[in-house]
Amino acid sequence: MEPTRQLERQYQTLSTAPIDTLWQTLINLADMSWHPLITSTNVPRGLTIKPGLIYNAMPRWLPIPVTTFVERVLPEELLSIRLFPVPGLEERVIYRLESTMWGTRVSYSITLRGWLSPLAWSLIKPYAAQVAEAIAAAAEKTTQTALPPQPSGSEAW
């Protein structure tokens, strides 16, 4: 019996956005406009994400809805999701948020299993490398639009 193929990668970035803003961006499954791999989901707006939630996600590179299962949720810390795009392929993604002295570390881990994993990896690799940065950029944009305008130097006095 041939061993199951498995590919794993982890990507990280630092963000200046507060951890709660990053978390809200991440768990808002109704708005995945920031995600480089997913165009939309069938999750209703305002639904609270919790373990056991099953929904469909529409990937950018495959016109077939992907069954998605929320495995684990630790608020403002970790979100673990499994995707089952096609028979012969299983994907697990883990998002982690961690406060540091320099900002919030955003980690995106992806594990592909199954005999189709090498083919799937060749298709999604360039996009997977962008996910952590996309979360940070979306949250930072939200933070910037929520801040009141700062007075210029001459108006401050």
Protein backbone atom coordinates (compact mmCIF):
# COMPACT_ATOMS: atom_id res chain seq x y z
CA MET A 1 0.00 0.00 0.00
CA GLU A 2 1.39 3.39 -1.03
CA PRO A 3 1.82 5.96 1.76
CA THR A 4 -0.54 8.93 1.68
CA ARG A 5 1.02 11.98 0.07
CA GLN A 6 1.14 15.06 2.26
CA LEU A 7 2.40 18.56 1.60
CA GLU A 8 2.71 21.19 4.34
CA ARG A 9 3.66 24.87 4.32
CA GLN A 10 3.37 27.76 6.73
CA TYR A 11 3.36 31.46 5.92
CA GLN A 12 3.62 34.37 8.36
CA THR A 13 3.46 38.13 8.36
CA LEU A 14 3.27 40.92 10.92
CA SER A 15 0.32 43.30 11.06
CA THR A 16 -0.22 46.65 12.73
CA ALA A 17 -3.96 45.97 13.04
CA PRO A 18 -5.31 45.11 16.49
CA ILE A 19 -5.81 41.41 17.11
CA ASP A 20 -9.60 41.83 17.47
CA THR A 21 -9.81 43.49 14.03
CA LEU A 22 -7.74 40.69 12.49
CA TRP A 23 -9.99 38.11 14.17
CA GLN A 24 -13.17 39.78 12.90
CA THR A 25 -11.74 39.88 9.36
CA LEU A 26 -10.83 36.21 9.59
CA ILE A 27 -14.12 34.88 10.98
CA ASN A 28 -16.39 36.93 8.72
CA LEU A 29 -16.93 34.00 6.36
CA ALA A 30 -19.70 35.88 4.52
CA ASP A 31 -17.09 38.35 3.17
CA MET A 32 -14.04 36.57 1.80
CA SER A 33 -13.18 39.35 -0.67
CA TRP A 34 -9.67 39.57 0.82
CA HIS A 35 -8.88 35.86 0.28
CA PRO A 36 -6.69 35.05 -2.76
CA LEU A 37 -8.03 31.46 -2.98
CA ILE A 38 -11.75 31.87 -2.21
CA THR A 39 -14.25 34.13 -3.97
CA SER A 40 -17.33 33.51 -1.80
CA THR A 41 -19.10 31.22 0.68
CA ASN A 42 -22.70 30.34 1.43
CA VAL A 43 -22.38 31.49 5.06
CA PRO A 44 -25.04 34.05 6.03
CA ARG A 45 -23.87 37.45 7.31
CA GLY A 46 -23.55 37.61 11.08
CA LEU A 47 -23.33 33.85 11.64
CA THR A 48 -21.13 33.05 14.62
CA ILE A 49 -18.35 30.71 13.62
CA LYS A 50 -18.04 27.60 15.79
CA PRO A 51 -16.67 24.06 15.55
CA GLY A 52 -18.87 21.77 13.49
CA LEU A 53 -20.01 24.46 11.06
CA ILE A 54 -20.21 23.06 7.53
CA TYR A 55 -20.45 25.41 4.55
CA ASN A 56 -19.49 25.66 0.89
CA ALA A 57 -16.68 27.85 -0.40
CA MET A 58 -16.22 28.79 -4.04
CA PRO A 59 -12.53 28.70 -5.01
CA ARG A 60 -11.09 31.16 -7.54
CA TRP A 61 -9.49 28.44 -9.67
CA LEU A 62 -12.16 25.71 -9.64
CA PRO A 63 -15.83 26.39 -10.53
CA ILE A 64 -17.07 23.74 -8.07
CA PRO A 65 -18.20 24.49 -4.49
CA VAL A 66 -15.87 23.01 -1.89
CA THR A 67 -17.34 21.45 1.26
CA THR A 68 -15.70 23.14 4.23
CA PHE A 69 -15.77 22.09 7.88
CA VAL A 70 -14.75 24.24 10.87
CA GLU A 71 -12.68 21.99 13.15
CA ARG A 72 -11.51 24.21 15.95
CA VAL A 73 -11.98 27.79 17.14
CA LEU A 74 -10.02 29.56 19.87
CA PRO A 75 -11.31 33.17 19.80
CA GLU A 76 -8.71 35.73 18.71
CA GLU A 77 -6.09 32.98 18.56
CA LEU A 78 -6.76 30.04 16.21
CA LEU A 79 -9.14 28.87 13.48
CA SER A 80 -8.76 25.39 11.98
CA ILE A 81 -10.71 24.41 8.85
CA ARG A 82 -10.81 21.29 6.65
CA LEU A 83 -11.74 21.43 2.99
CA PHE A 84 -12.75 18.53 0.77
CA PRO A 85 -12.47 19.88 -2.80
CA VAL A 86 -12.52 16.61 -4.77
CA PRO A 87 -12.12 12.90 -4.02
CA GLY A 88 -8.41 12.18 -3.55
CA LEU A 89 -7.67 15.53 -1.92
CA GLU A 90 -8.12 16.92 1.59
CA GLU A 91 -6.92 20.33 2.69
CA ARG A 92 -6.45 21.58 6.24
CA VAL A 93 -5.78 25.23 6.96
CA ILE A 94 -4.93 26.77 10.30
CA TYR A 95 -4.96 30.49 10.93
CA ARG A 96 -3.15 31.71 14.06
CA LEU A 97 -2.96 35.18 15.57
CA GLU A 98 -0.33 36.05 18.15
CA SER A 99 0.48 39.40 19.76
CA THR A 100 4.15 40.36 19.70
CA MET A 101 6.12 43.47 20.60
CA TRP A 102 6.24 44.42 16.92
CA GLY A 103 2.54 43.87 16.08
CA THR A 104 0.32 40.86 15.55
CA ARG A 105 1.80 37.80 13.91
CA VAL A 106 -0.58 36.26 11.38
CA SER A 107 0.21 32.64 10.47
CA TYR A 108 -1.41 30.60 7.73
CA SER A 109 -0.60 26.88 7.63
CA ILE A 110 -1.78 24.63 4.84
CA THR A 111 -1.61 20.84 4.65
CA LEU A 112 -2.68 18.91 1.58
CA ARG A 113 -3.29 15.16 1.77
CA GLY A 114 -4.15 12.62 -0.87
CA TRP A 115 -2.91 11.42 -4.19
CA LEU A 116 -3.97 14.68 -5.90
CA SER A 117 -1.98 16.86 -3.48
CA PRO A 118 1.02 17.44 -5.83
CA LEU A 119 -1.28 18.65 -8.62
CA ALA A 120 -3.36 20.80 -6.25
CA TRP A 121 -0.20 22.30 -4.74
CA SER A 122 1.10 23.31 -8.15
CA LEU A 123 -2.16 25.22 -8.74
CA ILE A 124 -2.57 26.94 -5.36
CA LYS A 125 1.04 27.55 -4.27
CA PRO A 126 1.30 31.13 -5.60
CA TYR A 127 -2.00 32.06 -3.94
CA ALA A 128 -1.35 30.27 -0.64
CA ALA A 129 1.78 32.36 -0.18
CA GLN A 130 -0.41 35.50 -0.19
CA VAL A 131 -3.08 34.50 2.36
CA ALA A 132 -1.41 35.72 5.59
CA GLU A 133 -0.51 39.06 4.00
CA ALA A 134 -4.03 39.41 2.57
CA ILE A 135 -5.61 38.98 6.03
CA ALA A 136 -3.25 41.59 7.48
CA ALA A 137 -3.87 44.05 4.61
CA ALA A 138 -7.67 43.70 4.87
CA ALA A 139 -7.64 44.25 8.65
CA GLU A 140 -5.25 47.21 8.37
CA LYS A 141 -7.50 48.77 5.73
CA THR A 142 -10.48 48.35 8.07
CA THR A 143 -8.50 49.96 10.89
CA GLN A 144 -7.46 52.92 8.74
CA THR A 145 -11.02 53.64 7.58
CA ALA A 146 -12.28 53.48 11.17
CA LEU A 147 -9.77 56.06 12.47
CA PRO A 148 -10.76 59.74 12.44
CA PRO A 149 -8.66 61.94 10.15
CA GLN A 150 -5.49 63.26 11.80
CA PRO A 151 -4.92 67.03 11.76
CA SER A 152 -1.96 68.27 9.76
CA GLY A 153 1.07 69.71 11.58
CA SER A 154 -0.06 73.36 11.36
CA GLU A 155 -3.61 72.61 12.54
CA ALA A 156 -2.49 70.62 15.57
CA TRP A 157 -1.47 73.71 17.52
